[in-house]
Structures are given as structure tokens and as C-alpha cells.
C-alpha atoms as a PDB file:
ATOM      1  CA  UNK A   1      99.634  92.342 103.855  1.00  0.00           C
ATOM      2  CA  UNK A   2      96.339  93.442 105.385  1.00  0.00           C
ATOM      3  CA  UNK A   3      93.536  94.902 103.316  1.00  0.00           C
ATOM      4  CA  UNK A   4      92.176  98.319 104.252  1.00  0.00           C
ATOM      5  CA  UNK A   5      89.098  97.781 106.387  1.00  0.00           C
ATOM      6  CA  UNK A   6      86.518  99.470 108.573  1.00  0.00           C
ATOM      7  CA  UNK A   7      85.088  97.445 111.442  1.00  0.00           C
ATOM      8  CA  UNK A   8      82.274  98.435 113.731  1.00  0.00           C
ATOM      9  CA  UNK A   9      82.953  98.254 117.426  1.00  0.00           C
ATOM     10  CA  UNK A  10      80.185  97.147 119.740  1.00  0.00           C
ATOM     11  CA  UNK A  11      82.287  97.934 122.833  1.00  0.00           C
ATOM     12  CA  UNK A  12      83.394 101.458 121.934  1.00  0.00           C
ATOM     13  CA  UNK A  13      81.741 104.471 120.281  1.00  0.00           C
ATOM     14  CA  UNK A  14      84.508 104.546 117.668  1.00  0.00           C
ATOM     15  CA  UNK A  15      85.092 102.609 114.453  1.00  0.00           C
ATOM     16  CA  UNK A  16      88.182 100.378 114.051  1.00  0.00           C
ATOM     17  CA  UNK A  17      90.366 101.033 110.972  1.00  0.00           C
ATOM     18  CA  UNK A  18      92.959  98.735 109.383  1.00  0.00           C
ATOM     19  CA  UNK A  19      95.523  99.844 106.772  1.00  0.00           C
ATOM     20  CA  UNK A  20      97.511  97.832 104.217  1.00  0.00           C
ATOM     21  CA  UNK A  21     100.672  98.625 106.196  1.00  0.00           C
ATOM     22  CA  UNK A  22      99.271  96.696 109.173  1.00  0.00           C
ATOM     23  CA  UNK A  23      98.317  99.696 111.316  1.00  0.00           C
ATOM     24  CA  UNK A  24      95.065  99.327 113.225  1.00  0.00           C
ATOM     25  CA  UNK A  25      93.395 101.943 115.356  1.00  0.00           C
ATOM     26  CA  UNK A  26      90.265 103.925 115.982  1.00  0.00           C
ATOM     27  CA  UNK A  27      88.779 106.571 113.716  1.00  0.00           C
ATOM     28  CA  UNK A  28      89.639 109.138 116.403  1.00  0.00           C
ATOM     29  CA  UNK A  29      93.346 108.307 115.850  1.00  0.00           C
ATOM     30  CA  UNK A  30      93.204 109.412 112.200  1.00  0.00           C
ATOM     31  CA  UNK A  31      93.693 113.159 112.035  1.00  0.00           C
ATOM     32  CA  UNK A  32      95.397 113.740 108.692  1.00  0.00           C
ATOM     33  CA  UNK A  33      93.491 114.277 105.459  1.00  0.00           C
ATOM     34  CA  UNK A  34      94.897 114.461 101.921  1.00  0.00           C
ATOM     35  CA  UNK A  35      93.408 117.089  99.617  1.00  0.00           C
ATOM     36  CA  UNK A  36      93.377 115.557  96.125  1.00  0.00           C
ATOM     37  CA  UNK A  37      92.624 118.462  93.809  1.00  0.00           C
ATOM     38  CA  UNK A  38      92.919 116.334  90.661  1.00  0.00           C
ATOM     39  CA  UNK A  39      90.067 114.103  91.916  1.00  0.00           C
ATOM     40  CA  UNK A  40      88.153 116.904  93.728  1.00  0.00           C
ATOM     41  CA  UNK A  41      88.072 115.017  97.002  1.00  0.00           C
ATOM     42  CA  UNK A  42      89.521 114.842 100.495  1.00  0.00           C
ATOM     43  CA  UNK A  43      90.669 111.441 101.815  1.00  0.00           C
ATOM     44  CA  UNK A  44      91.785 110.193 105.224  1.00  0.00           C
ATOM     45  CA  UNK A  45      95.479 109.339 105.505  1.00  0.00           C
ATOM     46  CA  UNK A  46      97.025 106.518 107.591  1.00  0.00           C
ATOM     47  CA  UNK A  47      98.853 107.906 110.651  1.00  0.00           C
ATOM     48  CA  UNK A  48     101.548 105.231 110.330  1.00  0.00           C
ATOM     49  CA  UNK A  49     102.491 105.030 106.630  1.00  0.00           C
ATOM     50  CA  UNK A  50     100.885 108.264 105.366  1.00  0.00           C
ATOM     51  CA  UNK A  51      99.043 106.587 102.486  1.00  0.00           C
ATOM     52  CA  UNK A  52      95.524 107.686 101.638  1.00  0.00           C
ATOM     53  CA  UNK A  53      92.854 105.137 102.516  1.00  0.00           C
ATOM     54  CA  UNK A  54      89.584 105.927 100.692  1.00  0.00           C
ATOM     55  CA  UNK A  55      87.845 103.088 102.547  1.00  0.00           C
ATOM     56  CA  UNK A  56      88.154 105.110 105.778  1.00  0.00           C
ATOM     57  CA  UNK A  57      86.344 108.146 104.493  1.00  0.00           C
ATOM     58  CA  UNK A  58      86.339 110.203 101.351  1.00  0.00           C
ATOM     59  CA  UNK A  59      84.579 113.513 100.952  1.00  0.00           C
ATOM     60  CA  UNK A  60      83.709 113.719  97.253  1.00  0.00           C
ATOM     61  CA  UNK A  61      84.046 117.470  96.810  1.00  0.00           C
ATOM     62  CA  UNK A  62      86.631 119.850  98.220  1.00  0.00           C
ATOM     63  CA  UNK A  63      84.075 122.668  98.155  1.00  0.00           C
ATOM     64  CA  UNK A  64      81.651 120.546 100.188  1.00  0.00           C
ATOM     65  CA  UNK A  65      84.394 119.602 102.639  1.00  0.00           C
ATOM     66  CA  UNK A  66      85.304 123.260 103.197  1.00  0.00           C
ATOM     67  CA  UNK A  67      81.670 124.027 104.002  1.00  0.00           C
ATOM     68  CA  UNK A  68      81.553 121.510 106.879  1.00  0.00           C
ATOM     69  CA  UNK A  69      85.193 121.246 107.955  1.00  0.00           C
ATOM     70  CA  UNK A  70      86.392 121.608 111.512  1.00  0.00           C
ATOM     71  CA  UNK A  71      89.236 120.165 113.559  1.00  0.00           C
ATOM     72  CA  UNK A  72      91.860 118.106 111.691  1.00  0.00           C
ATOM     73  CA  UNK A  73      89.904 118.220 108.411  1.00  0.00           C
ATOM     74  CA  UNK A  74      89.863 122.020 108.505  1.00  0.00           C
ATOM     75  CA  UNK A  75      93.576 122.081 109.377  1.00  0.00           C
ATOM     76  CA  UNK A  76      94.407 119.872 106.377  1.00  0.00           C
ATOM     77  CA  UNK A  77      92.331 122.080 104.084  1.00  0.00           C
ATOM     78  CA  UNK A  78      94.038 125.193 105.510  1.00  0.00           C
ATOM     79  CA  UNK A  79      97.465 123.661 104.836  1.00  0.00           C
ATOM     80  CA  UNK A  80      96.341 123.090 101.234  1.00  0.00           C
ATOM     81  CA  UNK A  81      95.351 126.761 100.954  1.00  0.00           C
ATOM     82  CA  UNK A  82      91.558 126.535 101.246  1.00  0.00           C
ATOM     83  CA  UNK A  83      91.397 128.688 104.392  1.00  0.00           C
ATOM     84  CA  UNK A  84      93.539 131.392 105.859  1.00  0.00           C
ATOM     85  CA  UNK A  85      95.593 129.906 108.679  1.00  0.00           C
ATOM     86  CA  UNK A  86      93.927 130.499 112.024  1.00  0.00           C
END
């Protein structure tokens, strides 16, 4: 089993992610975020297994995330009820 990892790419402008499930891909491939109200944070979710992977990016406050959110992050927050659906 692989360990969650973040690797810098010197050939591409993106960052390489690895999940415990074995999935590897670029940060641009990760579009789903989990809103964890009990921990007041938003965490990236693996596109293959759906598990949250804090190593790939955790925003430590939902309120802060809503202030800066756009794209997939904003969509995940909207699904969790933090925005009206657009």
C-alpha cells in the first residue's frame, strides 16, 4: 500500500499526488473536496477511492474556505449548503 504523498514536478507546472489506494495524478485532477464540519475544515478527496487525503491540501476553516472558494472547491461547499446553488 502506498503512502499519501505530494511530489513536486520539475517538468510540469502541476504537483503530483499519490493516494493510499495507489492512485497517482496531478493536483489538477483532484476536483472533489470534503467539508468536515466536525473538524471545521475542507479536505481534498481522492478521485479514485473517495477518501480524504489531508496531505494534499486542507483548508483549516470552512469560513475561510468560503471566502476564497471558486471552481470545484466552491461547488463542494455549495453541495454542503454553504452557498446557494448557482
